[in-house]
C-alpha atoms as a PDB file:
ATOM      1  CA  MET A   1      52.964  30.018  15.314  1.00  0.00           C
ATOM      2  CA  ARG A   2      51.782  33.614  14.657  1.00  0.00           C
ATOM      3  CA  ASN A   3      51.637  36.206  11.449  1.00  0.00           C
ATOM      4  CA  ARG A   4      51.967  33.261   8.975  1.00  0.00           C
ATOM      5  CA  THR A   5      50.033  32.719   5.700  1.00  0.00           C
ATOM      6  CA  ILE A   6      49.353  29.102   5.178  1.00  0.00           C
ATOM      7  CA  LEU A   7      47.714  26.952   2.582  1.00  0.00           C
ATOM      8  CA  PHE A   8      45.639  23.929   3.396  1.00  0.00           C
ATOM      9  CA  CYS A   9      45.795  21.396   0.923  1.00  0.00           C
ATOM     10  CA  LEU A  10      42.783  19.041   1.270  1.00  0.00           C
ATOM     11  CA  ARG A  11      41.341  16.091  -0.896  1.00  0.00           C
ATOM     12  CA  ARG A  12      39.228  16.819  -3.696  1.00  0.00           C
ATOM     13  CA  ASP A  13      35.918  15.345  -2.482  1.00  0.00           C
ATOM     14  CA  TYR A  14      35.968  17.172   0.975  1.00  0.00           C
ATOM     15  CA  LEU A  15      33.040  18.880   0.489  1.00  0.00           C
ATOM     16  CA  CYS A  16      30.746  16.541  -0.920  1.00  0.00           C
ATOM     17  CA  HIS A  17      32.115  13.764   1.470  1.00  0.00           C
ATOM     18  CA  PRO A  18      33.008  15.445   4.816  1.00  0.00           C
ATOM     19  CA  GLY A  19      34.719  13.295   7.395  1.00  0.00           C
ATOM     20  CA  GLY A  20      36.934  13.470  10.365  1.00  0.00           C
ATOM     21  CA  ASP A  21      39.529  15.230   8.434  1.00  0.00           C
ATOM     22  CA  THR A  22      37.054  17.847   7.455  1.00  0.00           C
ATOM     23  CA  MET A  23      36.222  18.688  11.187  1.00  0.00           C
ATOM     24  CA  GLN A  24      39.914  18.838  12.051  1.00  0.00           C
ATOM     25  CA  MET A  25      40.784  20.991   9.064  1.00  0.00           C
ATOM     26  CA  GLU A  26      38.050  23.446  10.292  1.00  0.00           C
ATOM     27  CA  SER A  27      39.254  23.324  13.796  1.00  0.00           C
ATOM     28  CA  TYR A  28      42.784  23.795  12.969  1.00  0.00           C
ATOM     29  CA  ALA A  29      41.833  26.932  10.446  1.00  0.00           C
ATOM     30  CA  ARG A  30      39.803  28.312  13.288  1.00  0.00           C
ATOM     31  CA  ILE A  31      42.517  28.093  15.873  1.00  0.00           C
ATOM     32  CA  LEU A  32      45.400  29.382  13.485  1.00  0.00           C
ATOM     33  CA  ARG A  33      43.089  32.287  12.403  1.00  0.00           C
ATOM     34  CA  GLN A  34      42.236  33.138  15.969  1.00  0.00           C
ATOM     35  CA  SER A  35      46.225  33.255  16.659  1.00  0.00           C
ATOM     36  CA  GLY A  36      46.764  36.041  13.998  1.00  0.00           C
ATOM     37  CA  ASN A  37      47.398  33.626  10.927  1.00  0.00           C
ATOM     38  CA  HIS A  38      46.066  33.750   7.409  1.00  0.00           C
ATOM     39  CA  VAL A  39      44.640  30.580   6.304  1.00  0.00           C
ATOM     40  CA  ARG A  40      43.457  29.701   2.675  1.00  0.00           C
ATOM     41  CA  LEU A  41      41.911  26.282   1.734  1.00  0.00           C
ATOM     42  CA  HIS A  42      42.517  24.575  -1.695  1.00  0.00           C
ATOM     43  CA  SER A  43      41.358  21.296  -2.779  1.00  0.00           C
ATOM     44  CA  GLY A  44      42.626  19.083  -5.706  1.00  0.00           C
ATOM     45  CA  SER A  45      45.993  19.869  -7.540  1.00  0.00           C
ATOM     46  CA  VAL A  46      48.125  22.629  -6.698  1.00  0.00           C
ATOM     47  CA  ALA A  47      50.075  24.733  -9.423  1.00  0.00           C
ATOM     48  CA  PRO A  48      53.216  26.823  -8.121  1.00  0.00           C
ATOM     49  CA  ALA A  49      51.066  29.897  -8.647  1.00  0.00           C
ATOM     50  CA  ASP A  50      48.909  28.834  -6.011  1.00  0.00           C
ATOM     51  CA  LEU A  51      51.760  28.761  -3.688  1.00  0.00           C
ATOM     52  CA  GLU A  52      52.682  32.453  -4.073  1.00  0.00           C
ATOM     53  CA  GLY A  53      52.648  34.246  -1.115  1.00  0.00           C
ATOM     54  CA  ASN A  54      52.332  31.399   1.205  1.00  0.00           C
ATOM     55  CA  ASP A  55      54.774  30.698   4.030  1.00  0.00           C
ATOM     56  CA  MET A  56      53.961  26.981   4.574  1.00  0.00           C
ATOM     57  CA  VAL A  57      51.475  24.357   3.502  1.00  0.00           C
ATOM     58  CA  PHE A  58      49.528  21.871   5.283  1.00  0.00           C
ATOM     59  CA  VAL A  59      48.860  18.465   3.453  1.00  0.00           C
ATOM     60  CA  TRP A  60      46.222  15.926   4.945  1.00  0.00           C
ATOM     61  CA  HIS A  61      46.491  12.337   4.090  1.00  0.00           C
ATOM     62  CA  LEU A  62      49.645  10.017   4.082  1.00  0.00           C
ATOM     63  CA  GLU A  63      47.231   6.947   2.927  1.00  0.00           C
ATOM     64  CA  ARG A  64      46.004   8.636   0.038  1.00  0.00           C
ATOM     65  CA  PRO A  65      49.181   9.801  -2.209  1.00  0.00           C
ATOM     66  CA  HIS A  66      46.574  10.006  -5.305  1.00  0.00           C
ATOM     67  CA  ASP A  67      45.222  13.034  -3.772  1.00  0.00           C
ATOM     68  CA  SER A  68      48.107  14.366  -1.478  1.00  0.00           C
ATOM     69  CA  PHE A  69      51.240  13.624  -3.338  1.00  0.00           C
ATOM     70  CA  GLN A  70      50.932  16.075  -6.058  1.00  0.00           C
ATOM     71  CA  PRO A  71      50.493  19.185  -3.643  1.00  0.00           C
ATOM     72  CA  TRP A  72      53.237  17.885  -1.333  1.00  0.00           C
ATOM     73  CA  HIS A  73      55.532  17.551  -4.272  1.00  0.00           C
ATOM     74  CA  THR A  74      54.936  20.944  -5.801  1.00  0.00           C
ATOM     75  CA  ALA A  75      55.239  22.752  -2.393  1.00  0.00           C
ATOM     76  CA  ILE A  76      58.637  20.713  -1.587  1.00  0.00           C
ATOM     77  CA  ARG A  77      59.742  21.773  -5.372  1.00  0.00           C
ATOM     78  CA  ASN A  78      58.926  25.385  -4.791  1.00  0.00           C
ATOM     79  CA  GLY A  79      60.916  25.564  -1.586  1.00  0.00           C
ATOM     80  CA  LEU A  80      58.114  25.694   1.198  1.00  0.00           C
ATOM     81  CA  PRO A  81      57.936  23.970   4.356  1.00  0.00           C
ATOM     82  CA  VAL A  82      55.055  21.121   4.406  1.00  0.00           C
ATOM     83  CA  VAL A  83      53.340  19.993   7.479  1.00  0.00           C
ATOM     84  CA  LEU A  84      51.946  16.613   6.869  1.00  0.00           C
ATOM     85  CA  LEU A  85      48.891  15.433   8.851  1.00  0.00           C
ATOM     86  CA  PRO A  86      48.937  11.467   8.138  1.00  0.00           C
ATOM     87  CA  THR A  87      45.367  10.943   9.815  1.00  0.00           C
ATOM     88  CA  CYS A  88      45.859   7.205   9.863  1.00  0.00           C
ATOM     89  CA  PHE A  89      46.640   4.353  12.240  1.00  0.00           C
ATOM     90  CA  HIS A  90      47.885   1.333  10.068  1.00  0.00           C
ATOM     91  CA  SER A  91      51.160   0.103   9.036  1.00  0.00           C
ATOM     92  CA  ASN A  92      52.321   0.309   5.242  1.00  0.00           C
ATOM     93  CA  THR A  93      53.609  -3.330   5.686  1.00  0.00           C
ATOM     94  CA  VAL A  94      50.511  -4.495   3.454  1.00  0.00           C
ATOM     95  CA  GLY A  95      50.110  -6.862   0.877  1.00  0.00           C
ATOM     96  CA  PHE A  96      50.034  -6.795  -2.902  1.00  0.00           C
ATOM     97  CA  TRP A  97      46.068  -6.619  -2.908  1.00  0.00           C
ATOM     98  CA  ARG A  98      45.906  -3.917  -0.170  1.00  0.00           C
ATOM     99  CA  ALA A  99      48.388  -1.951  -1.828  1.00  0.00           C
ATOM    100  CA  LEU A 100      46.777  -2.355  -5.601  1.00  0.00           C
ATOM    101  CA  PRO A 101      43.832  -0.144  -5.223  1.00  0.00           C
ATOM    102  CA  GLU A 102      45.961   2.653  -4.128  1.00  0.00           C
ATOM    103  CA  GLN A 103      48.309   2.234  -7.035  1.00  0.00           C
ATOM    104  CA  LEU A 104      45.410   2.138  -9.423  1.00  0.00           C
ATOM    105  CA  LYS A 105      44.362   5.411  -8.218  1.00  0.00           C
ATOM    106  CA  ILE A 106      47.859   7.160  -8.672  1.00  0.00           C
ATOM    107  CA  TRP A 107      47.975   5.815 -12.185  1.00  0.00           C
ATOM    108  CA  TYR A 108      44.657   7.062 -13.023  1.00  0.00           C
ATOM    109  CA  ARG A 109      45.392  10.564 -11.444  1.00  0.00           C
ATOM    110  CA  CYS A 110      48.643  10.448 -13.497  1.00  0.00           C
ATOM    111  CA  LEU A 111      46.643   9.906 -16.888  1.00  0.00           C
ATOM    112  CA  ARG A 112      44.310  12.998 -16.002  1.00  0.00           C
ATOM    113  CA  GLU A 113      47.244  15.242 -15.358  1.00  0.00           C
ATOM    114  CA  PRO A 114      50.069  13.969 -17.279  1.00  0.00           C
ATOM    115  CA  SER A 115      52.038  17.301 -17.633  1.00  0.00           C
ATOM    116  CA  ASP A 116      52.512  17.841 -13.956  1.00  0.00           C
ATOM    117  CA  SER A 117      55.878  17.142 -12.651  1.00  0.00           C
ATOM    118  CA  ALA A 118      54.434  15.214  -9.657  1.00  0.00           C
ATOM    119  CA  SER A 119      52.351  12.836 -11.885  1.00  0.00           C
ATOM    120  CA  HIS A 120      55.383  12.316 -13.931  1.00  0.00           C
ATOM    121  CA  TYR A 121      57.228  11.079 -10.787  1.00  0.00           C
ATOM    122  CA  MET A 122      54.295   9.174  -9.740  1.00  0.00           C
ATOM    123  CA  GLN A 123      54.120   7.413 -13.137  1.00  0.00           C
ATOM    124  CA  PHE A 124      57.358   5.546 -12.281  1.00  0.00           C
ATOM    125  CA  ARG A 125      56.793   5.063  -8.333  1.00  0.00           C
ATOM    126  CA  SER A 126      54.819   3.080  -6.295  1.00  0.00           C
ATOM    127  CA  TRP A 127      52.159   4.057  -3.800  1.00  0.00           C
ATOM    128  CA  ARG A 128      54.698   2.820  -1.171  1.00  0.00           C
ATOM    129  CA  ARG A 129      57.618   5.106  -2.603  1.00  0.00           C
ATOM    130  CA  CYS A 130      55.217   8.084  -2.584  1.00  0.00           C
ATOM    131  CA  ARG A 131      54.063   7.217   0.838  1.00  0.00           C
ATOM    132  CA  GLU A 132      57.652   7.013   1.975  1.00  0.00           C
ATOM    133  CA  ARG A 133      58.764  10.245   0.653  1.00  0.00           C
ATOM    134  CA  MET A 134      56.141  12.106   2.333  1.00  0.00           C
ATOM    135  CA  LEU A 135      56.707  10.442   5.495  1.00  0.00           C
ATOM    136  CA  THR A 136      60.403  11.337   5.781  1.00  0.00           C
ATOM    137  CA  GLN A 137      60.926  14.261   3.969  1.00  0.00           C
ATOM    138  CA  SER A 138      57.975  16.426   5.554  1.00  0.00           C
ATOM    139  CA  SER A 139      59.043  19.688   7.521  1.00  0.00           C
ATOM    140  CA  CYS A 140      56.616  18.474  10.398  1.00  0.00           C
ATOM    141  CA  LEU A 141      54.041  15.639  10.874  1.00  0.00           C
ATOM    142  CA  ILE A 142      51.133  16.395  12.931  1.00  0.00           C
ATOM    143  CA  VAL A 143      49.727  13.016  14.492  1.00  0.00           C
ATOM    144  CA  ASN A 144      46.967  12.544  16.901  1.00  0.00           C
ATOM    145  CA  SER A 145      48.069  10.221  19.258  1.00  0.00           C
ATOM    146  CA  GLU A 146      51.312   8.769  20.818  1.00  0.00           C
ATOM    147  CA  ALA A 147      50.450   5.408  19.417  1.00  0.00           C
ATOM    148  CA  GLU A 148      50.519   6.874  16.067  1.00  0.00           C
ATOM    149  CA  LYS A 149      53.670   8.454  16.228  1.00  0.00           C
ATOM    150  CA  THR A 150      55.384   5.327  17.787  1.00  0.00           C
ATOM    151  CA  LEU A 151      54.185   3.540  14.629  1.00  0.00           C
ATOM    152  CA  LEU A 152      55.396   6.259  12.025  1.00  0.00           C
ATOM    153  CA  LEU A 153      58.730   6.273  13.960  1.00  0.00           C
ATOM    154  CA  ARG A 154      59.239   2.774  13.378  1.00  0.00           C
ATOM    155  CA  GLU A 155      58.443   3.427   9.620  1.00  0.00           C
ATOM    156  CA  GLY A 156      61.090   5.841   9.349  1.00  0.00           C
ATOM    157  CA  ALA A 157      59.819   9.286  10.385  1.00  0.00           C
ATOM    158  CA  ASN A 158      62.356  11.968  11.884  1.00  0.00           C
ATOM    159  CA  THR A 159      61.570  11.728  15.684  1.00  0.00           C
ATOM    160  CA  SER A 160      62.356  15.655  15.765  1.00  0.00           C
ATOM    161  CA  ARG A 161      59.676  16.366  13.293  1.00  0.00           C
ATOM    162  CA  VAL A 162      56.738  14.730  14.870  1.00  0.00           C
ATOM    163  CA  VAL A 163      54.360  16.472  16.848  1.00  0.00           C
ATOM    164  CA  VAL A 164      51.223  14.966  18.845  1.00  0.00           C
ATOM    165  CA  ILE A 165      48.217  17.290  18.762  1.00  0.00           C
ATOM    166  CA  PRO A 166      45.197  15.362  19.717  1.00  0.00           C
ATOM    167  CA  ASN A 167      41.744  15.851  18.143  1.00  0.00           C
ATOM    168  CA  VAL A 168      39.359  17.844  19.673  1.00  0.00           C
ATOM    169  CA  VAL A 169      35.929  19.152  20.029  1.00  0.00           C
ATOM    170  CA  ASP A 170      34.361  22.459  19.673  1.00  0.00           C
ATOM    171  CA  LEU A 171      32.560  23.350  22.819  1.00  0.00           C
ATOM    172  CA  GLU A 172      30.587  26.402  21.556  1.00  0.00           C
ATOM    173  CA  THR A 173      29.144  23.891  18.815  1.00  0.00           C
ATOM    174  CA  LEU A 174      28.269  20.937  21.376  1.00  0.00           C
ATOM    175  CA  THR A 175      26.860  23.414  23.821  1.00  0.00           C
ATOM    176  CA  VAL A 176      23.843  24.218  21.369  1.00  0.00           C
ATOM    177  CA  GLN A 177      22.583  20.828  22.022  1.00  0.00           C
ATOM    178  CA  GLU A 178      20.968  19.818  25.211  1.00  0.00           C
ATOM    179  CA  PRO A 179      21.797  16.177  26.157  1.00  0.00           C
ATOM    180  CA  ALA A 180      18.507  14.295  26.693  1.00  0.00           C
ATOM    181  CA  PRO A 181      18.419  12.572  30.205  1.00  0.00           C
ATOM    182  CA  TRP A 182      19.808   9.179  30.136  1.00  0.00           C
ATOM    183  CA  ASN A 183      16.378   7.328  30.834  1.00  0.00           C
ATOM    184  CA  LYS A 184      14.819   9.115  27.749  1.00  0.00           C
ATOM    185  CA  ARG A 185      17.426   7.678  25.377  1.00  0.00           C
ATOM    186  CA  GLN A 186      16.997   4.867  22.975  1.00  0.00           C
ATOM    187  CA  ARG A 187      19.091   5.035  20.101  1.00  0.00           C
ATOM    188  CA  ILE A 188      22.324   3.142  19.071  1.00  0.00           C
ATOM    189  CA  ILE A 189      24.572   5.113  16.672  1.00  0.00           C
ATOM    190  CA  CYS A 190      27.221   4.578  14.251  1.00  0.00           C
ATOM    191  CA  ILE A 191      29.151   7.485  12.541  1.00  0.00           C
ATOM    192  CA  GLY A 192      31.313   7.259   9.474  1.00  0.00           C
ATOM    193  CA  HIS A 193      31.429   6.617   5.709  1.00  0.00           C
ATOM    194  CA  PHE A 194      30.757   3.250   4.512  1.00  0.00           C
ATOM    195  CA  CYS A 195      33.916   1.284   3.626  1.00  0.00           C
ATOM    196  CA  PRO A 196      35.308  -2.325   4.700  1.00  0.00           C
ATOM    197  CA  ARG A 197      37.656  -0.660   6.913  1.00  0.00           C
ATOM    198  CA  LYS A 198      34.924   0.653   9.094  1.00  0.00           C
ATOM    199  CA  ASN A 199      33.175  -2.790   9.210  1.00  0.00           C
ATOM    200  CA  GLN A 200      29.482  -1.790   9.141  1.00  0.00           C
ATOM    201  CA  LEU A 201      28.864  -5.125   7.542  1.00  0.00           C
ATOM    202  CA  GLY A 202      30.278  -6.848  10.442  1.00  0.00           C
ATOM    203  CA  LEU A 203      27.909  -5.040  12.970  1.00  0.00           C
ATOM    204  CA  ILE A 204      24.810  -5.678  10.715  1.00  0.00           C
ATOM    205  CA  ARG A 205      25.811  -9.409  10.743  1.00  0.00           C
ATOM    206  CA  ALA A 206      26.512  -9.846  14.469  1.00  0.00           C
ATOM    207  CA  LEU A 207      22.871  -8.298  15.168  1.00  0.00           C
ATOM    208  CA  ARG A 208      21.112  -9.977  12.723  1.00  0.00           C
ATOM    209  CA  GLY A 209      17.707 -11.164  13.872  1.00  0.00           C
ATOM    210  CA  LEU A 210      18.000  -9.490  17.211  1.00  0.00           C
ATOM    211  CA  ASP A 211      15.833  -6.594  18.697  1.00  0.00           C
ATOM    212  CA  LEU A 212      18.759  -4.222  18.229  1.00  0.00           C
ATOM    213  CA  ARG A 213      18.707  -1.407  15.898  1.00  0.00           C
ATOM    214  CA  ILE A 214      21.588   0.723  14.717  1.00  0.00           C
ATOM    215  CA  THR A 215      21.193   4.414  13.244  1.00  0.00           C
ATOM    216  CA  PHE A 216      24.032   4.500  10.552  1.00  0.00           C
ATOM    217  CA  VAL A 217      24.921   8.174   9.713  1.00  0.00           C
ATOM    218  CA  GLY A 218      26.949   8.627   6.681  1.00  0.00           C
ATOM    219  CA  THR A 219      27.349   7.765   3.084  1.00  0.00           C
ATOM    220  CA  ALA A 220      29.955   6.177   0.784  1.00  0.00           C
ATOM    221  CA  ARG A 221      32.258   7.315  -1.439  1.00  0.00           C
ATOM    222  CA  PRO A 222      32.159   6.270  -5.194  1.00  0.00           C
ATOM    223  CA  MET A 223      34.678   3.391  -4.859  1.00  0.00           C
ATOM    224  CA  HIS A 224      32.649   2.189  -1.814  1.00  0.00           C
ATOM    225  CA  GLN A 225      29.052   2.301  -3.080  1.00  0.00           C
ATOM    226  CA  ARG A 226      28.680  -1.418  -3.355  1.00  0.00           C
ATOM    227  CA  TYR A 227      29.683  -1.928  -0.211  1.00  0.00           C
ATOM    228  CA  LEU A 228      26.836   0.391   1.100  1.00  0.00           C
ATOM    229  CA  GLU A 229      24.335  -1.282  -0.821  1.00  0.00           C
ATOM    230  CA  ARG A 230      25.465  -4.422   0.609  1.00  0.00           C
ATOM    231  CA  CYS A 231      24.932  -3.430   4.025  1.00  0.00           C
ATOM    232  CA  ARG A 232      21.381  -2.242   3.040  1.00  0.00           C
ATOM    233  CA  ARG A 233      20.868  -5.387   1.526  1.00  0.00           C
ATOM    234  CA  GLU A 234      21.840  -7.624   4.538  1.00  0.00           C
ATOM    235  CA  SER A 235      20.421  -5.123   7.063  1.00  0.00           C
ATOM    236  CA  ALA A 236      16.587  -6.453   5.519  1.00  0.00           C
ATOM    237  CA  GLY A 237      15.069  -3.147   7.082  1.00  0.00           C
ATOM    238  CA  GLN A 238      16.469  -3.936  10.710  1.00  0.00           C
ATOM    239  CA  HIS A 239      18.708  -0.724  10.694  1.00  0.00           C
ATOM    240  CA  LEU A 240      18.225   2.915   9.876  1.00  0.00           C
ATOM    241  CA  PHE A 241      20.342   4.319   7.229  1.00  0.00           C
ATOM    242  CA  THR A 242      20.226   8.211   7.550  1.00  0.00           C
ATOM    243  CA  GLY A 243      22.513   8.907   4.497  1.00  0.00           C
ATOM    244  CA  ALA A 244      24.649  12.347   4.999  1.00  0.00           C
ATOM    245  CA  LEU A 245      23.706  14.438   7.647  1.00  0.00           C
ATOM    246  CA  SER A 246      24.560  18.241   8.611  1.00  0.00           C
ATOM    247  CA  HIS A 247      26.877  18.353  11.567  1.00  0.00           C
ATOM    248  CA  HIS A 248      24.045  20.096  13.616  1.00  0.00           C
ATOM    249  CA  ASP A 249      21.664  17.198  12.991  1.00  0.00           C
ATOM    250  CA  THR A 250      24.301  14.718  13.852  1.00  0.00           C
ATOM    251  CA  LEU A 251      24.899  16.072  17.223  1.00  0.00           C
ATOM    252  CA  LYS A 252      21.216  16.303  17.572  1.00  0.00           C
ATOM    253  CA  LEU A 253      21.017  12.456  17.195  1.00  0.00           C
ATOM    254  CA  LEU A 254      24.147  12.041  19.390  1.00  0.00           C
ATOM    255  CA  ALA A 255      22.443  14.054  22.241  1.00  0.00           C
ATOM    256  CA  GLN A 256      19.572  11.479  21.895  1.00  0.00           C
ATOM    257  CA  SER A 257      21.455   8.160  21.918  1.00  0.00           C
ATOM    258  CA  ARG A 258      22.312   5.874  24.350  1.00  0.00           C
ATOM    259  CA  LEU A 259      25.416   4.544  22.766  1.00  0.00           C
ATOM    260  CA  ALA A 260      27.912   5.514  20.261  1.00  0.00           C
ATOM    261  CA  ILE A 261      29.540   2.248  18.439  1.00  0.00           C
ATOM    262  CA  SER A 262      32.296   1.546  16.163  1.00  0.00           C
ATOM    263  CA  ALA A 263      33.759  -1.608  14.685  1.00  0.00           C
ATOM    264  CA  SER A 264      36.488  -0.434  12.728  1.00  0.00           C
ATOM    265  CA  PHE A 265      39.665  -2.633  11.835  1.00  0.00           C
ATOM    266  CA  GLU A 266      41.919   0.351  11.767  1.00  0.00           C
ATOM    267  CA  GLU A 267      40.713   3.623  13.368  1.00  0.00           C
ATOM    268  CA  THR A 268      42.069   6.931  14.852  1.00  0.00           C
ATOM    269  CA  PRO A 269      40.396   8.120  18.171  1.00  0.00           C
ATOM    270  CA  GLY A 270      37.980   9.906  15.979  1.00  0.00           C
ATOM    271  CA  ILE A 271      36.257  13.267  16.767  1.00  0.00           C
ATOM    272  CA  ALA A 272      32.888  11.796  16.310  1.00  0.00           C
ATOM    273  CA  ASN A 273      33.675   9.419  19.477  1.00  0.00           C
ATOM    274  CA  LEU A 274      34.694  12.752  21.461  1.00  0.00           C
ATOM    275  CA  GLU A 275      31.639  14.428  20.307  1.00  0.00           C
ATOM    276  CA  ALA A 276      29.436  11.279  21.639  1.00  0.00           C
ATOM    277  CA  ALA A 277      31.120  11.026  24.853  1.00  0.00           C
ATOM    278  CA  ALA A 278      30.734  14.908  25.425  1.00  0.00           C
ATOM    279  CA  LEU A 279      27.069  14.597  24.751  1.00  0.00           C
ATOM    280  CA  GLY A 280      26.416  11.786  27.279  1.00  0.00           C
ATOM    281  CA  CYS A 281      26.752   8.760  24.965  1.00  0.00           C
ATOM    282  CA  ASN A 282      28.199   5.507  26.342  1.00  0.00           C
ATOM    283  CA  LEU A 283      31.116   4.338  23.732  1.00  0.00           C
ATOM    284  CA  LEU A 284      31.732   0.778  22.397  1.00  0.00           C
ATOM    285  CA  LEU A 285      34.746   1.111  20.391  1.00  0.00           C
ATOM    286  CA  PRO A 286      37.417  -1.305  18.958  1.00  0.00           C
ATOM    287  CA  LYS A 287      40.526  -2.228  20.720  1.00  0.00           C
ATOM    288  CA  ILE A 288      42.792  -0.089  18.885  1.00  0.00           C
ATOM    289  CA  ALA A 289      45.952   1.530  20.559  1.00  0.00           C
ATOM    290  CA  PRO A 290      45.120   5.263  20.060  1.00  0.00           C
ATOM    291  CA  ILE A 291      41.386   4.553  21.234  1.00  0.00           C
ATOM    292  CA  ARG A 292      42.463   3.214  24.289  1.00  0.00           C
ATOM    293  CA  GLU A 293      45.093   6.077  24.617  1.00  0.00           C
ATOM    294  CA  TYR A 294      42.154   8.905  24.549  1.00  0.00           C
ATOM    295  CA  PHE A 295      39.425   6.859  26.684  1.00  0.00           C
ATOM    296  CA  GLY A 296      41.071   4.325  28.778  1.00  0.00           C
ATOM    297  CA  SER A 297      38.900   2.520  31.023  1.00  0.00           C
ATOM    298  CA  ARG A 298      35.889   4.991  30.545  1.00  0.00           C
ATOM    299  CA  SER A 299      34.938   3.620  27.452  1.00  0.00           C
ATOM    300  CA  MET A 300      33.679  -0.063  26.684  1.00  0.00           C
ATOM    301  CA  TYR A 301      35.620  -2.113  23.887  1.00  0.00           C
ATOM    302  CA  LEU A 302      34.697  -4.792  21.512  1.00  0.00           C
ATOM    303  CA  ASP A 303      36.939  -7.227  19.152  1.00  0.00           C
ATOM    304  CA  PRO A 304      36.164  -5.903  15.440  1.00  0.00           C
ATOM    305  CA  PHE A 305      36.992  -9.650  14.211  1.00  0.00           C
ATOM    306  CA  ARG A 306      34.468 -11.280  16.674  1.00  0.00           C
ATOM    307  CA  ILE A 307      31.695  -8.966  17.289  1.00  0.00           C
ATOM    308  CA  ASP A 308      30.017 -10.062  20.493  1.00  0.00           C
ATOM    309  CA  ALA A 309      26.258  -9.180  20.332  1.00  0.00           C
ATOM    310  CA  ALA A 310      25.716  -9.716  24.025  1.00  0.00           C
ATOM    311  CA  ARG A 311      28.533  -7.072  24.439  1.00  0.00           C
ATOM    312  CA  ILE A 312      26.545  -4.822  22.670  1.00  0.00           C
ATOM    313  CA  ARG A 313      23.470  -5.466  24.574  1.00  0.00           C
ATOM    314  CA  GLU A 314      25.369  -4.938  27.559  1.00  0.00           C
ATOM    315  CA  ALA A 315      26.707  -1.617  26.617  1.00  0.00           C
ATOM    316  CA  VAL A 316      23.435  -0.357  25.410  1.00  0.00           C
ATOM    317  CA  HIS A 317      21.881  -0.746  28.993  1.00  0.00           C
ATOM    318  CA  LEU A 318      24.847   0.738  30.866  1.00  0.00           C
ATOM    319  CA  PRO A 319      25.166   4.671  31.716  1.00  0.00           C
ATOM    320  CA  PRO A 320      28.563   5.880  30.696  1.00  0.00           C
ATOM    321  CA  SER A 321      31.240   6.225  33.252  1.00  0.00           C
ATOM    322  CA  PRO A 322      30.708   9.253  35.313  1.00  0.00           C
ATOM    323  CA  GLU A 323      34.450  10.173  34.315  1.00  0.00           C
ATOM    324  CA  LEU A 324      33.850  10.256  30.303  1.00  0.00           C
ATOM    325  CA  ARG A 325      32.453  13.413  29.911  1.00  0.00           C
ATOM    326  CA  ALA A 326      34.525  15.337  32.302  1.00  0.00           C
ATOM    327  CA  HIS A 327      37.687  13.824  30.562  1.00  0.00           C
ATOM    328  CA  ILE A 328      36.969  14.890  27.371  1.00  0.00           C
ATOM    329  CA  LEU A 329      36.229  18.183  28.460  1.00  0.00           C
ATOM    330  CA  SER A 330      39.313  18.440  30.255  1.00  0.00           C
ATOM    331  CA  HIS A 331      41.740  17.247  27.654  1.00  0.00           C
ATOM    332  CA  TYR A 332      40.280  17.425  24.147  1.00  0.00           C
ATOM    333  CA  THR A 333      38.667  20.623  23.436  1.00  0.00           C
ATOM    334  CA  GLU A 334      39.992  23.562  21.231  1.00  0.00           C
ATOM    335  CA  LYS A 335      41.326  25.524  24.255  1.00  0.00           C
ATOM    336  CA  ASN A 336      43.860  22.773  24.208  1.00  0.00           C
ATOM    337  CA  LEU A 337      44.476  23.221  20.539  1.00  0.00           C
ATOM    338  CA  HIS A 338      45.461  26.835  21.079  1.00  0.00           C
ATOM    339  CA  ARG A 339      48.384  25.853  23.379  1.00  0.00           C
ATOM    340  CA  PHE A 340      49.642  23.281  21.177  1.00  0.00           C
ATOM    341  CA  PHE A 341      49.820  25.647  17.999  1.00  0.00           C
ATOM    342  CA  GLN A 342      51.323  28.382  20.366  1.00  0.00           C
ATOM    343  CA  THR A 343      54.239  26.229  20.976  1.00  0.00           C
ATOM    344  CA  LEU A 344      54.605  24.987  17.385  1.00  0.00           C
ATOM    345  CA  GLU A 345      57.735  26.408  15.341  1.00  0.00           C
ATOM    346  CA  ILE A 346      58.009  24.822  12.170  1.00  0.00           C
ATOM    347  CA  GLU A 347      61.149  26.593  10.914  1.00  0.00           C
ATOM    348  CA  GLU A 348      62.964  24.786  13.943  1.00  0.00           C
ATOM    349  CA  MET A 349      62.214  21.466  12.525  1.00  0.00           C
ATOM    350  CA  ILE A 350      63.450  22.175   9.064  1.00  0.00           C
ATOM    351  CA  HIS A 351      67.117  22.216   9.773  1.00  0.00           C
END
């Protein structure tokens, strides 16, 4: 894919609440520009005038139609091919209480922008219906794992329009950090915004009263501030909460950490996990299909529903698999991303 003008449509709060999608967006923009494309970033709602001069649109987040459906719908109505990046790994076969928060966010967005055609559509459709349209009518879906592809095909995605492009790390950024020798490392680190899906509270409860201290890096979006406060309260001073850190400072902590841990109930492989492995951390991650696809037997695993403190203690005292860092540097760096985008032709998927 070369010589195209591409509009990246991002969630409204990507600057004040950066995450893995922000890292992915920056990496994709860098690679596409190096390949001779022009990429422009746009957050929030999209007007038809914003689409003028663009050849295609990239939209992030299948699970957040309150952010993503409006730019998606506007691009579709104006005849532009849309590349959807779902950034998810969980089925839409969820109950009423799981869907309700997303539905309320959709209605709130409609009230704020009642004149928009997409908002008019969303007023009379459910979160599930908006999600279904994005899944089945996008020109192309870029997913991060074969496991995610299998899930979305089962939900109705067109097999000829789903492309697997793995998450990657930027070697140039990583080489700025000098990994500390293993015997000099002490820290356990957990990276990610605070929310019930990430299950930081489960980690805190599993380690209550033990001599294990986790450094939690990340903050919470407005809807999850109470969850963060609860995590702090139940930690009772045992764990360290750094709040939001720059990418440079996060990598610095990773280069000094023994173990990177995650106990998420639902998760993609995660760029932070790739960076941790590349900087010499051992990994203790949830038993989720896309994570096992990336790391295989080179990582250690836990059950997020029944967190075993003894398993965490074991992981802290074990150096990482000798193959782990080499595996990441061979398969999950930006040089691989060049190859994927060079062979991606969106127009062939539209017809």
